[in-house]
Amino acid sequence: MSHTVLIEFSCAEGKGPEFAGVLRSVLPDTRAYEGCELVETYTDQDHPDTVMLWEKWRAKEDQESYLAWRVEGGMMEAIGPFMAAPPRFVHLSAAD
């Protein structure tokens, strides 16, 4: 069974559209990472400075390995100037 993660990025005022573009530029590497099954980017229609990633991974461990790779590579520092708050990670369990 795959593992689903929702990541919510609360961007600084006016930074959401630019941040979404930055995400789109790095997502090919995410999609190529071992265990990644799907990554989609969404923007909240009512709050354009809220950007979300919907991710599906083969296993939670794959997503955790990927996140560690991104942190080690400096991604969190790179996105810092866009953020109004730290990203919120929600690991979901299927209910049906």
N, C-alpha and C. Protein backbone atom coordinates (compact mmCIF):
# COMPACT_ATOMS: atom_id res chain seq x y z
N MET A 1 0.84 -1.17 0.00
CA MET A 1 0.00 0.00 0.00
C MET A 1 0.89 1.24 0.00
N SER A 2 0.54 2.23 -0.79
CA SER A 2 1.37 3.43 -0.87
C SER A 2 1.11 4.35 0.33
N HIS A 3 1.99 5.32 0.46
CA HIS A 3 1.94 6.28 1.56
C HIS A 3 1.62 7.66 0.97
N THR A 4 0.64 8.36 1.53
CA THR A 4 0.21 9.66 1.03
C THR A 4 0.59 10.75 2.01
N VAL A 5 1.13 11.85 1.46
CA VAL A 5 1.54 12.98 2.27
C VAL A 5 0.99 14.26 1.65
N LEU A 6 0.44 15.12 2.48
CA LEU A 6 0.03 16.46 2.08
C LEU A 6 0.99 17.43 2.77
N ILE A 7 1.62 18.29 1.98
CA ILE A 7 2.52 19.28 2.54
C ILE A 7 1.94 20.66 2.25
N GLU A 8 1.73 21.43 3.29
CA GLU A 8 1.15 22.76 3.15
C GLU A 8 2.23 23.80 3.42
N PHE A 9 2.42 24.68 2.45
CA PHE A 9 3.38 25.77 2.56
C PHE A 9 2.61 27.08 2.70
N SER A 10 2.79 27.75 3.83
CA SER A 10 2.19 29.07 4.04
C SER A 10 3.24 30.10 3.67
N CYS A 11 3.05 30.70 2.51
CA CYS A 11 4.04 31.64 1.99
C CYS A 11 3.79 33.05 2.52
N ALA A 12 4.85 33.83 2.51
CA ALA A 12 4.74 35.24 2.85
C ALA A 12 3.82 35.91 1.83
N GLU A 13 3.19 37.00 2.23
CA GLU A 13 2.23 37.68 1.38
C GLU A 13 2.82 37.99 0.00
N GLY A 14 2.11 37.54 -1.02
CA GLY A 14 2.51 37.78 -2.40
C GLY A 14 3.55 36.83 -2.96
N LYS A 15 4.06 35.91 -2.14
CA LYS A 15 5.14 35.00 -2.56
C LYS A 15 4.63 33.66 -3.09
N GLY A 16 3.34 33.35 -2.92
CA GLY A 16 2.81 32.05 -3.31
C GLY A 16 3.04 31.69 -4.77
N PRO A 17 2.67 32.56 -5.72
CA PRO A 17 2.86 32.20 -7.13
C PRO A 17 4.32 31.95 -7.50
N GLU A 18 5.22 32.78 -6.98
CA GLU A 18 6.65 32.58 -7.26
C GLU A 18 7.14 31.28 -6.65
N PHE A 19 6.70 30.99 -5.43
CA PHE A 19 7.11 29.75 -4.77
C PHE A 19 6.60 28.53 -5.54
N ALA A 20 5.36 28.59 -6.02
CA ALA A 20 4.82 27.47 -6.81
C ALA A 20 5.69 27.22 -8.03
N GLY A 21 6.19 28.27 -8.64
CA GLY A 21 7.10 28.12 -9.78
C GLY A 21 8.41 27.46 -9.39
N VAL A 22 8.93 27.82 -8.23
CA VAL A 22 10.16 27.19 -7.73
C VAL A 22 9.91 25.69 -7.52
N LEU A 23 8.78 25.36 -6.91
CA LEU A 23 8.45 23.94 -6.70
C LEU A 23 8.40 23.19 -8.03
N ARG A 24 7.71 23.77 -8.99
CA ARG A 24 7.60 23.09 -10.29
C ARG A 24 8.97 22.84 -10.91
N SER A 25 9.92 23.72 -10.66
CA SER A 25 11.25 23.55 -11.25
C SER A 25 12.03 22.40 -10.62
N VAL A 26 11.72 22.04 -9.36
CA VAL A 26 12.46 20.97 -8.69
C VAL A 26 11.71 19.63 -8.68
N LEU A 27 10.46 19.65 -9.10
CA LEU A 27 9.66 18.42 -9.03
C LEU A 27 10.13 17.29 -9.95
N PRO A 28 10.79 17.57 -11.09
CA PRO A 28 11.32 16.44 -11.86
C PRO A 28 12.26 15.55 -11.03
N ASP A 29 13.09 16.16 -10.18
CA ASP A 29 13.98 15.37 -9.32
C ASP A 29 13.19 14.60 -8.28
N THR A 30 12.11 15.20 -7.79
CA THR A 30 11.25 14.51 -6.82
C THR A 30 10.62 13.29 -7.48
N ARG A 31 10.07 13.48 -8.65
CA ARG A 31 9.39 12.38 -9.35
C ARG A 31 10.36 11.25 -9.71
N ALA A 32 11.63 11.59 -9.89
CA ALA A 32 12.63 10.58 -10.24
C ALA A 32 13.19 9.86 -9.01
N TYR A 33 12.88 10.37 -7.82
CA TYR A 33 13.43 9.78 -6.60
C TYR A 33 12.80 8.41 -6.37
N GLU A 34 13.63 7.48 -5.93
CA GLU A 34 13.14 6.11 -5.72
C GLU A 34 11.96 6.09 -4.75
N GLY A 35 10.89 5.44 -5.17
CA GLY A 35 9.71 5.28 -4.33
C GLY A 35 8.63 6.31 -4.58
N CYS A 36 8.94 7.37 -5.33
CA CYS A 36 7.93 8.39 -5.61
C CYS A 36 6.98 7.88 -6.68
N GLU A 37 5.70 7.91 -6.37
CA GLU A 37 4.67 7.46 -7.31
C GLU A 37 3.92 8.63 -7.95
N LEU A 38 3.80 9.75 -7.21
CA LEU A 38 3.02 10.88 -7.70
C LEU A 38 3.34 12.11 -6.87
N VAL A 39 3.46 13.26 -7.53
CA VAL A 39 3.55 14.55 -6.85
C VAL A 39 2.76 15.54 -7.67
N GLU A 40 1.82 16.23 -7.02
CA GLU A 40 1.02 17.26 -7.67
C GLU A 40 1.10 18.53 -6.83
N THR A 41 1.10 19.67 -7.50
CA THR A 41 1.16 20.97 -6.84
C THR A 41 -0.21 21.64 -6.93
N TYR A 42 -0.65 22.20 -5.83
CA TYR A 42 -1.94 22.90 -5.77
C TYR A 42 -1.75 24.26 -5.10
N THR A 43 -2.57 25.20 -5.51
CA THR A 43 -2.64 26.50 -4.85
C THR A 43 -4.06 26.69 -4.36
N ASP A 44 -4.20 27.17 -3.13
CA ASP A 44 -5.51 27.43 -2.55
C ASP A 44 -6.15 28.58 -3.33
N GLN A 45 -7.31 28.34 -3.94
CA GLN A 45 -7.98 29.35 -4.76
C GLN A 45 -8.33 30.61 -3.97
N ASP A 46 -8.64 30.45 -2.71
CA ASP A 46 -9.02 31.59 -1.88
C ASP A 46 -7.84 32.25 -1.18
N HIS A 47 -6.72 31.55 -1.13
CA HIS A 47 -5.52 32.06 -0.46
C HIS A 47 -4.31 31.69 -1.32
N PRO A 48 -4.01 32.48 -2.35
CA PRO A 48 -2.96 32.10 -3.31
C PRO A 48 -1.56 32.00 -2.72
N ASP A 49 -1.38 32.43 -1.48
CA ASP A 49 -0.08 32.28 -0.84
C ASP A 49 0.02 30.98 -0.05
N THR A 50 -0.99 30.12 -0.19
CA THR A 50 -0.95 28.78 0.38
C THR A 50 -0.78 27.79 -0.77
N VAL A 51 0.35 27.10 -0.76
CA VAL A 51 0.70 26.15 -1.81
C VAL A 51 0.81 24.78 -1.16
N MET A 52 0.30 23.76 -1.84
CA MET A 52 0.32 22.40 -1.29
C MET A 52 0.91 21.41 -2.29
N LEU A 53 1.56 20.41 -1.74
CA LEU A 53 2.01 19.26 -2.52
C LEU A 53 1.22 18.05 -2.06
N TRP A 54 0.72 17.30 -3.01
CA TRP A 54 0.04 16.04 -2.76
C TRP A 54 1.01 14.98 -3.27
N GLU A 55 1.52 14.15 -2.36
CA GLU A 55 2.53 13.17 -2.72
C GLU A 55 2.05 11.76 -2.41
N LYS A 56 2.41 10.83 -3.28
CA LYS A 56 2.20 9.40 -3.04
C LYS A 56 3.56 8.73 -3.17
N TRP A 57 3.87 7.93 -2.17
CA TRP A 57 5.14 7.22 -2.12
C TRP A 57 4.88 5.73 -1.94
N ARG A 58 5.81 4.94 -2.38
CA ARG A 58 5.71 3.48 -2.22
C ARG A 58 5.59 3.14 -0.73
N ALA A 59 6.35 3.85 0.11
CA ALA A 59 6.34 3.61 1.55
C ALA A 59 6.74 4.90 2.27
N LYS A 60 6.35 5.01 3.53
CA LYS A 60 6.70 6.19 4.32
C LYS A 60 8.21 6.37 4.38
N GLU A 61 8.94 5.27 4.46
CA GLU A 61 10.40 5.34 4.53
C GLU A 61 10.98 6.00 3.28
N ASP A 62 10.36 5.78 2.12
CA ASP A 62 10.84 6.41 0.89
C ASP A 62 10.69 7.93 0.98
N GLN A 63 9.56 8.39 1.49
CA GLN A 63 9.32 9.83 1.62
C GLN A 63 10.29 10.42 2.65
N GLU A 64 10.52 9.72 3.74
CA GLU A 64 11.44 10.19 4.76
C GLU A 64 12.87 10.29 4.22
N SER A 65 13.27 9.30 3.42
CA SER A 65 14.60 9.32 2.80
C SER A 65 14.71 10.51 1.83
N TYR A 66 13.66 10.73 1.05
CA TYR A 66 13.63 11.84 0.12
C TYR A 66 13.74 13.17 0.87
N LEU A 67 12.96 13.34 1.93
CA LEU A 67 12.98 14.58 2.69
C LEU A 67 14.37 14.83 3.28
N ALA A 68 14.99 13.80 3.81
CA ALA A 68 16.35 13.94 4.36
C ALA A 68 17.31 14.40 3.26
N TRP A 69 17.17 13.84 2.05
CA TRP A 69 18.00 14.23 0.92
C TRP A 69 17.81 15.71 0.59
N ARG A 70 16.57 16.16 0.60
CA ARG A 70 16.28 17.57 0.31
C ARG A 70 16.84 18.48 1.41
N VAL A 71 16.70 18.09 2.67
CA VAL A 71 17.21 18.90 3.78
C VAL A 71 18.73 18.99 3.68
N GLU A 72 19.40 17.84 3.45
CA GLU A 72 20.86 17.82 3.34
C GLU A 72 21.33 18.66 2.17
N GLY A 73 20.53 18.74 1.11
CA GLY A 73 20.89 19.52 -0.07
C GLY A 73 20.61 21.01 0.06
N GLY A 74 20.07 21.44 1.19
CA GLY A 74 19.84 22.86 1.42
C GLY A 74 18.49 23.39 0.99
N MET A 75 17.55 22.50 0.67
CA MET A 75 16.25 22.95 0.19
C MET A 75 15.50 23.79 1.21
N MET A 76 15.57 23.43 2.47
CA MET A 76 14.83 24.18 3.48
C MET A 76 15.36 25.61 3.60
N GLU A 77 16.66 25.79 3.50
CA GLU A 77 17.23 27.13 3.53
C GLU A 77 16.82 27.91 2.28
N ALA A 78 16.76 27.22 1.13
CA ALA A 78 16.40 27.87 -0.12
C ALA A 78 14.96 28.37 -0.12
N ILE A 79 14.06 27.62 0.52
CA ILE A 79 12.66 28.04 0.52
C ILE A 79 12.33 29.00 1.66
N GLY A 80 13.23 29.13 2.62
CA GLY A 80 13.00 29.97 3.78
C GLY A 80 12.50 31.37 3.47
N PRO A 81 13.10 32.08 2.50
CA PRO A 81 12.65 33.44 2.21
C PRO A 81 11.20 33.54 1.71
N PHE A 82 10.64 32.44 1.24
CA PHE A 82 9.27 32.43 0.75
C PHE A 82 8.25 32.18 1.86
N MET A 83 8.70 31.60 2.98
CA MET A 83 7.79 31.07 3.98
C MET A 83 7.36 32.10 5.03
N ALA A 84 6.08 32.03 5.40
CA ALA A 84 5.56 32.79 6.54
C ALA A 84 5.57 31.92 7.79
N ALA A 85 5.64 30.60 7.59
CA ALA A 85 5.64 29.62 8.68
C ALA A 85 6.32 28.36 8.15
N PRO A 86 6.76 27.48 9.05
CA PRO A 86 7.36 26.22 8.59
C PRO A 86 6.33 25.39 7.82
N PRO A 87 6.79 24.59 6.84
CA PRO A 87 5.85 23.70 6.13
C PRO A 87 5.17 22.74 7.10
N ARG A 88 3.94 22.41 6.78
CA ARG A 88 3.17 21.46 7.62
C ARG A 88 3.04 20.16 6.84
N PHE A 89 3.54 19.08 7.40
CA PHE A 89 3.49 17.75 6.78
C PHE A 89 2.36 16.95 7.42
N VAL A 90 1.48 16.42 6.59
CA VAL A 90 0.37 15.59 7.07
C VAL A 90 0.51 14.23 6.40
N HIS A 91 0.79 13.21 7.19
CA HIS A 91 0.89 11.84 6.69
C HIS A 91 -0.49 11.21 6.86
N LEU A 92 -1.07 10.81 5.74
CA LEU A 92 -2.45 10.35 5.72
C LEU A 92 -2.57 8.84 5.71
N SER A 93 -3.62 8.35 6.34
CA SER A 93 -3.98 6.93 6.30
C SER A 93 -5.32 6.81 5.58
N ALA A 94 -5.42 5.87 4.68
CA ALA A 94 -6.69 5.65 3.97
C ALA A 94 -7.75 5.21 4.95
N ALA A 95 -8.92 5.77 4.80
CA ALA A 95 -10.03 5.45 5.72
C ALA A 95 -11.08 4.57 5.08
N ASP A 96 -10.91 4.22 3.81
CA ASP A 96 -11.91 3.38 3.16
C ASP A 96 -11.39 2.02 2.80
